[in-house]
Amino acid sequence: MLELNYYPRGTKYYERFKNGSELDHLAFWERDVDRRYEELLASGATEAVEPFSEGGYRLAFVKDPDEISIELLGKDRRARPRVR
């Protein structure tokens, strides 16, 4: 998955263009976000946001050597208690 974002003037994330602001982050769909997060840290990525769950998804962020944020996104496959 490649996620491209555009933030129009007046929105929360809008910023005036400046050299280097053209890439916010790259997002990759992963089957196991936690495992991939640990693999990337072991390979030299920098921790940005530890894995967390939100809205049925599992997310995490690391930074590459050029300080580009990389989002890891996948379904939250962790066991959840059943509600009766």
C-alpha atoms as a PDB file:
ATOM      1  CA  MET A   1       0.000   0.000   0.000  1.00  0.00           C
ATOM      2  CA  LEU A   2       1.217   3.496  -0.758  1.00  0.00           C
ATOM      3  CA  GLU A   3      -0.645   6.217   1.102  1.00  0.00           C
ATOM      4  CA  LEU A   4      -0.442   9.704  -0.430  1.00  0.00           C
ATOM      5  CA  ASN A   5      -1.822  12.596   1.596  1.00  0.00           C
ATOM      6  CA  TYR A   6      -2.930  16.055   0.552  1.00  0.00           C
ATOM      7  CA  TYR A   7      -3.815  18.617   3.218  1.00  0.00           C
ATOM      8  CA  PRO A   8      -5.705  21.623   1.795  1.00  0.00           C
ATOM      9  CA  ARG A   9      -5.324  25.105   3.223  1.00  0.00           C
ATOM     10  CA  GLY A  10      -7.363  25.494   6.418  1.00  0.00           C
ATOM     11  CA  THR A  11      -7.122  21.843   7.501  1.00  0.00           C
ATOM     12  CA  LYS A  12      -5.409  20.586  10.654  1.00  0.00           C
ATOM     13  CA  TYR A  13      -2.236  19.315   8.910  1.00  0.00           C
ATOM     14  CA  TYR A  14      -1.838  21.968   6.229  1.00  0.00           C
ATOM     15  CA  GLU A  15       1.571  23.632   6.030  1.00  0.00           C
ATOM     16  CA  ARG A  16       3.074  25.971   3.492  1.00  0.00           C
ATOM     17  CA  PHE A  17       5.331  24.092   1.124  1.00  0.00           C
ATOM     18  CA  LYS A  18       8.988  24.089   2.056  1.00  0.00           C
ATOM     19  CA  ASN A  19      11.769  21.950   0.666  1.00  0.00           C
ATOM     20  CA  GLY A  20      11.549  18.592   2.413  1.00  0.00           C
ATOM     21  CA  SER A  21       7.863  18.776   3.339  1.00  0.00           C
ATOM     22  CA  GLU A  22       6.694  16.899   0.277  1.00  0.00           C
ATOM     23  CA  LEU A  23       6.769  13.507   2.039  1.00  0.00           C
ATOM     24  CA  ASP A  24       4.996  13.097   5.371  1.00  0.00           C
ATOM     25  CA  HIS A  25       5.303   9.318   5.742  1.00  0.00           C
ATOM     26  CA  LEU A  26       5.060   5.996   3.948  1.00  0.00           C
ATOM     27  CA  ALA A  27       2.534   3.391   5.119  1.00  0.00           C
ATOM     28  CA  PHE A  28       2.842  -0.375   4.695  1.00  0.00           C
ATOM     29  CA  TRP A  29       0.178  -3.006   5.326  1.00  0.00           C
ATOM     30  CA  GLU A  30       1.540  -5.786   7.542  1.00  0.00           C
ATOM     31  CA  ARG A  31       0.082  -9.094   8.746  1.00  0.00           C
ATOM     32  CA  ASP A  32       1.968  -8.790  12.034  1.00  0.00           C
ATOM     33  CA  VAL A  33       2.712  -5.164  12.957  1.00  0.00           C
ATOM     34  CA  ASP A  34       4.472  -6.019  16.228  1.00  0.00           C
ATOM     35  CA  ARG A  35       6.844  -8.525  14.604  1.00  0.00           C
ATOM     36  CA  ARG A  36       7.695  -6.196  11.713  1.00  0.00           C
ATOM     37  CA  TYR A  37       8.255  -3.298  14.149  1.00  0.00           C
ATOM     38  CA  GLU A  38      10.802  -5.363  16.099  1.00  0.00           C
ATOM     39  CA  GLU A  39      12.486  -6.533  12.870  1.00  0.00           C
ATOM     40  CA  LEU A  40      12.873  -2.957  11.639  1.00  0.00           C
ATOM     41  CA  LEU A  41      14.324  -1.776  14.968  1.00  0.00           C
ATOM     42  CA  ALA A  42      16.801  -4.679  14.874  1.00  0.00           C
ATOM     43  CA  SER A  43      17.759  -3.617  11.329  1.00  0.00           C
ATOM     44  CA  GLY A  44      18.576  -0.039  12.352  1.00  0.00           C
ATOM     45  CA  ALA A  45      15.282   1.848  12.144  1.00  0.00           C
ATOM     46  CA  THR A  46      14.613   4.386  14.898  1.00  0.00           C
ATOM     47  CA  GLU A  47      11.652   3.994  17.244  1.00  0.00           C
ATOM     48  CA  ALA A  48       8.966   6.640  16.674  1.00  0.00           C
ATOM     49  CA  VAL A  49       5.663   5.268  18.062  1.00  0.00           C
ATOM     50  CA  GLU A  50       5.399   1.838  19.683  1.00  0.00           C
ATOM     51  CA  PRO A  51       2.676  -0.521  18.422  1.00  0.00           C
ATOM     52  CA  PHE A  52      -0.847   0.376  19.541  1.00  0.00           C
ATOM     53  CA  SER A  53      -4.413  -0.621  18.714  1.00  0.00           C
ATOM     54  CA  GLU A  54      -7.121   1.681  17.414  1.00  0.00           C
ATOM     55  CA  GLY A  55     -10.448   0.955  15.745  1.00  0.00           C
ATOM     56  CA  GLY A  56      -9.692  -2.712  15.065  1.00  0.00           C
ATOM     57  CA  TYR A  57      -6.274  -1.960  13.586  1.00  0.00           C
ATOM     58  CA  ARG A  58      -2.722  -2.304  14.887  1.00  0.00           C
ATOM     59  CA  LEU A  59      -0.358   0.583  14.094  1.00  0.00           C
ATOM     60  CA  ALA A  60       3.258   1.545  14.768  1.00  0.00           C
ATOM     61  CA  PHE A  61       5.763   4.065  13.396  1.00  0.00           C
ATOM     62  CA  VAL A  62       9.527   3.924  12.881  1.00  0.00           C
ATOM     63  CA  LYS A  63      11.935   6.324  11.155  1.00  0.00           C
ATOM     64  CA  ASP A  64      14.367   5.337   8.463  1.00  0.00           C
ATOM     65  CA  PRO A  65      17.985   6.616   8.363  1.00  0.00           C
ATOM     66  CA  ASP A  66      16.782   9.716   6.442  1.00  0.00           C
ATOM     67  CA  GLU A  67      14.228  10.477   9.199  1.00  0.00           C
ATOM     68  CA  ILE A  68      11.249   9.538   6.993  1.00  0.00           C
ATOM     69  CA  SER A  69       8.382   8.169   9.099  1.00  0.00           C
ATOM     70  CA  ILE A  70       7.229   4.683   8.173  1.00  0.00           C
ATOM     71  CA  GLU A  71       3.787   3.590   9.325  1.00  0.00           C
ATOM     72  CA  LEU A  72       3.058  -0.092   9.868  1.00  0.00           C
ATOM     73  CA  LEU A  73      -0.661  -0.844   9.637  1.00  0.00           C
ATOM     74  CA  GLY A  74      -2.600  -4.084   9.906  1.00  0.00           C
ATOM     75  CA  LYS A  75      -5.649  -5.720  11.400  1.00  0.00           C
ATOM     76  CA  ASP A  76      -5.534  -6.101  15.159  1.00  0.00           C
ATOM     77  CA  ARG A  77      -5.276  -9.890  15.381  1.00  0.00           C
ATOM     78  CA  ARG A  78      -4.562 -10.005  19.108  1.00  0.00           C
ATOM     79  CA  ALA A  79      -7.044 -11.963  21.193  1.00  0.00           C
ATOM     80  CA  ARG A  80      -9.863  -9.838  22.583  1.00  0.00           C
ATOM     81  CA  PRO A  81     -12.188 -10.840  25.394  1.00  0.00           C
ATOM     82  CA  ARG A  82     -15.646 -11.793  24.164  1.00  0.00           C
ATOM     83  CA  VAL A  83     -18.488  -9.558  25.254  1.00  0.00           C
ATOM     84  CA  ARG A  84     -21.693 -11.332  26.251  1.00  0.00           C
END
